Protein backbone atom coordinates (compact mmCIF):
# COMPACT_ATOMS: atom_id res chain seq x y z
CA MET A 1 68.98 57.63 47.48
CA ARG A 2 65.53 56.13 47.93
CA GLU A 3 63.92 56.40 51.39
CA ILE A 4 60.44 55.58 52.69
CA ILE A 5 58.66 57.83 55.18
CA LEU A 6 56.34 55.58 57.20
CA ASP A 7 53.60 56.01 59.77
CA THR A 8 51.01 53.72 61.34
CA GLU A 9 47.82 53.87 63.37
CA THR A 10 46.90 51.17 65.90
CA THR A 11 44.28 50.04 68.38
CA GLY A 12 46.50 50.95 71.31
CA LEU A 13 50.03 51.23 72.64
CA ASP A 14 51.30 47.67 73.12
CA PRO A 15 51.29 44.87 70.53
CA LEU A 16 52.31 42.41 73.24
CA ARG A 17 48.95 43.01 74.95
CA GLY A 18 46.89 42.38 71.85
CA ASP A 19 46.87 45.82 70.24
CA ARG A 20 46.88 45.65 66.44
CA LEU A 21 47.81 47.62 63.37
CA VAL A 22 44.90 49.41 61.62
CA GLU A 23 46.56 51.73 59.09
CA ILE A 24 49.86 52.05 57.23
CA GLY A 25 50.92 55.12 55.24
CA CYS A 26 54.16 55.40 53.27
CA VAL A 27 55.66 58.18 51.14
CA GLU A 28 58.57 57.57 48.79
CA ILE A 29 61.33 60.17 48.60
CA LEU A 30 64.28 60.11 46.22
CA ASN A 31 67.33 62.21 47.08
CA ARG A 32 65.19 63.83 49.80
CA MET A 33 62.46 64.88 47.35
CA PRO A 34 58.95 63.29 47.31
CA THR A 35 58.31 61.33 44.11
CA GLY A 36 54.51 61.23 44.43
CA GLN A 37 54.55 57.46 45.00
CA THR A 38 52.68 56.36 48.12
CA PHE A 39 51.36 53.24 49.83
CA HIS A 40 48.24 53.50 51.99
CA ARG A 41 46.04 50.77 53.46
CA HIS A 42 43.50 50.46 56.25
CA ILE A 43 43.64 47.07 57.95
CA ASN A 44 41.03 45.01 59.77
CA PRO A 45 42.50 44.41 63.26
CA GLU A 46 40.04 41.58 64.01
CA ARG A 47 39.12 43.19 67.33
CA GLU A 48 37.10 46.06 68.76
CA MET A 49 38.44 49.59 68.62
CA PRO A 50 38.97 51.07 72.11
CA ALA A 51 37.41 54.48 72.68
CA GLU A 52 40.81 56.00 73.52
CA ALA A 53 42.32 54.95 70.19
CA PHE A 54 39.21 56.00 68.24
CA ALA A 55 39.53 59.49 69.76
CA VAL A 56 43.06 59.74 68.31
CA HIS A 57 42.50 58.57 64.72
CA GLY A 58 38.73 58.27 64.25
CA LEU A 59 38.88 54.74 62.75
CA SER A 60 35.89 52.79 64.06
CA THR A 61 35.33 49.05 64.43
CA GLU A 62 32.55 49.27 61.83
CA PHE A 63 34.73 51.12 59.31
CA LEU A 64 37.61 48.67 59.63
CA ALA A 65 35.44 45.55 59.53
CA GLY A 66 35.31 45.63 55.73
CA LYS A 67 39.01 46.28 55.24
CA PRO A 68 41.59 43.63 54.29
CA LEU A 69 43.60 41.69 56.84
CA PHE A 70 47.30 42.40 57.19
CA VAL A 71 48.14 39.11 55.50
CA GLU A 72 46.26 40.31 52.42
CA VAL A 73 48.31 43.50 52.02
CA VAL A 74 51.71 42.40 53.33
CA ASP A 75 53.21 41.45 49.97
CA GLU A 76 52.25 44.79 48.42
CA PHE A 77 53.60 46.61 51.48
CA LEU A 78 56.94 44.78 51.49
CA ALA A 79 57.32 45.28 47.74
CA PHE A 80 56.76 49.03 48.14
CA ILE A 81 59.29 49.53 50.94
CA ALA A 82 61.74 47.07 49.32
CA ASP A 83 65.16 47.52 50.95
CA ALA A 84 64.96 51.30 51.45
CA PRO A 85 65.70 52.96 54.81
CA LEU A 86 62.49 53.62 56.77
CA VAL A 87 62.14 57.13 58.19
CA ILE A 88 59.71 57.03 61.14
CA HIS A 89 58.85 59.38 63.99
CA ASN A 90 59.29 57.36 67.20
CA ALA A 91 60.37 54.38 65.12
CA SER A 92 60.40 51.81 67.93
CA PHE A 93 56.62 52.19 68.32
CA ASP A 94 55.68 51.69 64.66
CA ILE A 95 58.18 48.94 63.93
CA SER A 96 57.08 46.95 67.00
CA PHE A 97 53.55 46.80 65.58
CA ILE A 98 54.70 45.98 62.05
CA ASN A 99 57.01 43.23 63.27
CA ALA A 100 54.28 41.83 65.53
CA GLU A 101 51.99 41.54 62.50
CA LEU A 102 54.79 39.93 60.47
CA ASP A 103 55.42 37.45 63.29
CA ARG A 104 51.74 36.46 63.36
CA ILE A 105 51.95 35.34 59.73
CA LYS A 106 55.41 33.76 60.10
CA ARG A 107 57.27 36.40 58.11
CA PRO A 108 60.75 37.68 59.07
CA PRO A 109 60.88 40.97 60.97
CA ILE A 110 62.15 44.24 59.55
CA PRO A 111 65.63 44.81 61.02
CA ARG A 112 66.04 47.88 63.17
CA ASP A 113 69.22 48.93 61.41
CA ARG A 114 67.00 50.06 58.53
CA LEU A 115 65.29 52.66 60.69
CA VAL A 116 65.87 56.42 60.77
CA ASP A 117 64.11 57.77 63.87
CA THR A 118 63.20 61.43 63.37
CA LEU A 119 62.20 61.75 67.03
CA LEU A 120 65.79 60.96 68.07
CA LEU A 121 67.13 63.34 65.41
CA ALA A 122 64.82 66.09 66.66
CA ARG A 123 65.81 65.55 70.30
CA ARG A 124 69.48 65.92 69.37
CA LYS A 125 68.85 69.04 67.30
CA HIS A 126 66.28 70.62 69.66
CA PRO A 127 67.06 69.34 73.18
CA GLY A 128 64.88 70.24 76.12
CA VAL A 129 61.72 71.03 74.11
CA SER A 130 58.76 69.02 72.85
CA ASN A 131 59.42 67.34 69.51
CA ARG A 132 56.04 65.91 68.59
CA LEU A 133 55.18 66.01 64.89
CA ASP A 134 52.88 69.02 65.43
CA ASP A 135 55.66 70.85 67.27
CA LEU A 136 58.11 70.22 64.44
CA CYS A 137 55.60 71.37 61.84
CA SER A 138 55.18 74.60 63.77
CA ARG A 139 58.94 75.00 64.21
CA TYR A 140 59.62 74.58 60.49
CA ALA A 141 56.55 76.54 59.30
CA ILE A 142 54.92 73.48 57.71
CA ASP A 143 51.15 73.72 57.28
CA ASN A 144 49.51 70.95 59.31
CA SER A 145 46.02 72.49 59.45
CA ARG A 146 44.55 69.34 57.83
CA ARG A 147 45.71 67.26 60.79
CA THR A 148 42.56 67.39 62.91
CA LYS A 149 43.12 63.70 63.76
CA HIS A 150 46.05 61.35 63.29
CA GLY A 151 46.17 59.63 59.91
CA ALA A 152 49.00 57.42 58.68
CA LEU A 153 49.34 58.81 55.15
CA LEU A 154 48.84 62.46 56.11
CA ASP A 155 51.33 62.11 58.97
CA ALA A 156 53.85 60.47 56.62
CA GLU A 157 53.44 63.35 54.15
CA LEU A 158 54.02 65.91 56.93
CA LEU A 159 56.98 63.94 58.27
CA ALA A 160 58.54 63.91 54.81
CA GLU A 161 58.59 67.73 54.89
CA VAL A 162 59.85 67.81 58.48
CA TYR A 163 62.61 65.30 57.71
CA VAL A 164 64.06 67.45 54.92
CA ASP A 165 64.26 70.44 57.28
CA LEU A 166 65.45 68.37 60.23
CA ILE A 167 68.54 67.09 58.42
CA GLY A 168 69.23 70.42 56.69
CA ALA A 169 68.60 69.06 53.22
CA ARG A 170 66.22 71.86 52.23
CA GLN A 171 68.90 74.49 52.95
CA SER A 172 71.41 72.48 50.94
CA GLN A 173 68.97 72.31 48.04
CA LEU A 174 68.48 76.09 48.19
CA ILE A 175 72.25 76.69 48.21
CA LEU A 176 72.76 74.35 45.26
CA ALA A 177 69.92 76.01 43.37
CA SER A 178 71.39 79.44 44.09
CA GLU A 179 74.83 78.38 42.94
CA SER A 180 73.37 76.80 39.82
CA GLN A 181 71.44 79.98 39.08
CA SER A 182 74.55 82.14 39.53
CA ILE A 183 76.42 79.95 37.06
CA ARG A 184 73.63 80.15 34.47
CA VAL A 185 72.93 83.88 34.80
CA GLY A 186 75.45 86.70 34.48
CA ALA A 187 75.68 89.85 36.59
CA THR A 188 73.23 91.67 34.30
CA GLY A 189 70.73 88.81 34.51
CA ASP A 190 71.50 87.76 30.92
CA MET A 191 72.66 84.32 29.90
CA PRO A 192 76.47 84.43 29.48
CA ARG A 193 77.66 84.04 25.90
CA ARG A 194 80.03 81.26 24.97
CA GLN A 195 83.11 82.63 23.18
CA ARG A 196 84.24 81.06 19.90
CA LEU A 197 87.86 79.94 19.72
CA GLU A 198 88.09 81.50 16.24
CA PRO A 199 85.88 84.48 15.26
CA LEU A 200 83.57 84.06 12.30
CA ALA A 201 84.72 85.62 9.04
CA PRO A 202 83.19 89.09 8.43
CA ARG A 203 79.98 89.04 6.38
CA ILE A 204 80.41 92.65 5.10
CA SER A 205 82.81 93.23 2.25
CA ASP A 206 85.27 96.13 2.14
CA ALA A 207 83.30 97.67 -0.75
CA GLU A 208 80.07 97.61 1.31
CA ARG A 209 81.86 99.15 4.28
CA GLU A 210 83.24 102.01 2.13
CA ALA A 211 79.83 102.61 0.57
CA HIS A 212 78.36 102.93 4.05
CA ARG A 213 81.06 105.40 5.13
CA ALA A 214 80.34 107.50 2.04
CA PHE A 215 76.61 107.53 2.85
CA VAL A 216 77.21 108.55 6.49
CA ALA A 217 79.39 111.44 5.30
CA THR A 218 76.33 112.96 3.62
CA LEU A 219 74.35 113.11 6.91
CA GLY A 220 75.91 116.27 8.36
CA ASP A 221 78.74 117.24 10.73
CA LYS A 222 78.12 114.81 13.62
CA PRO A 223 75.91 111.94 12.52
CA VAL A 224 75.29 109.32 15.23
CA TRP A 225 76.52 106.61 12.88
CA ASN A 226 80.09 107.86 13.37
CA ASP A 227 80.00 106.37 16.88
CA PHE A 228 79.51 102.91 15.36
CA LEU A 229 82.05 103.37 12.58
CA ALA A 230 84.97 103.96 14.95
CA GLY A 231 85.69 100.27 15.39
CA THR A 232 85.17 99.24 11.78
């Protein structure tokens, strides 16, 4: 199953009050494993960056001024996500900004039934505690030391790791790998041998076998070769 892990950065908290999208980061996973395929774009919001938002993600007005508008990247973005489920932490926030941008350019919104909200999943699995992305990384021993500021692609990459642990898929993968290994490797650690339905015909003739017995008889009272001759 193909899924897209998605994160955004914005100029603020409310698209209905003029806040805009400034960054989109997406990571493709297939059967809960990252494929290495990503989508990442910075977007010119056509407005000044508030100091509060800049403190969160470090994307300045000057930096974003030379970036493409949303309308210039939307086709590439929609082609990348296609019809896959979108896995997002606090999905209602990110999708409200994406749909606001789509509405501005007269494109249909992304339906909410496509969303998998990892914040809701985390609250069900870990009730009564903080379930921010940093908290989940710490809980699942995921290295987030690079996350000195928020960044859409980095956060999507971290969320991809969190998601696999959150739904128990990593444990399932380990169990399957263990079972597969036990099938492939015998108790001694050797690859089990496939048995033939009919044994191969002997390659040693009776005359050669008798000649060998005669030679062994010349080696003394208890030659070690007698141990191997018992079954021949």
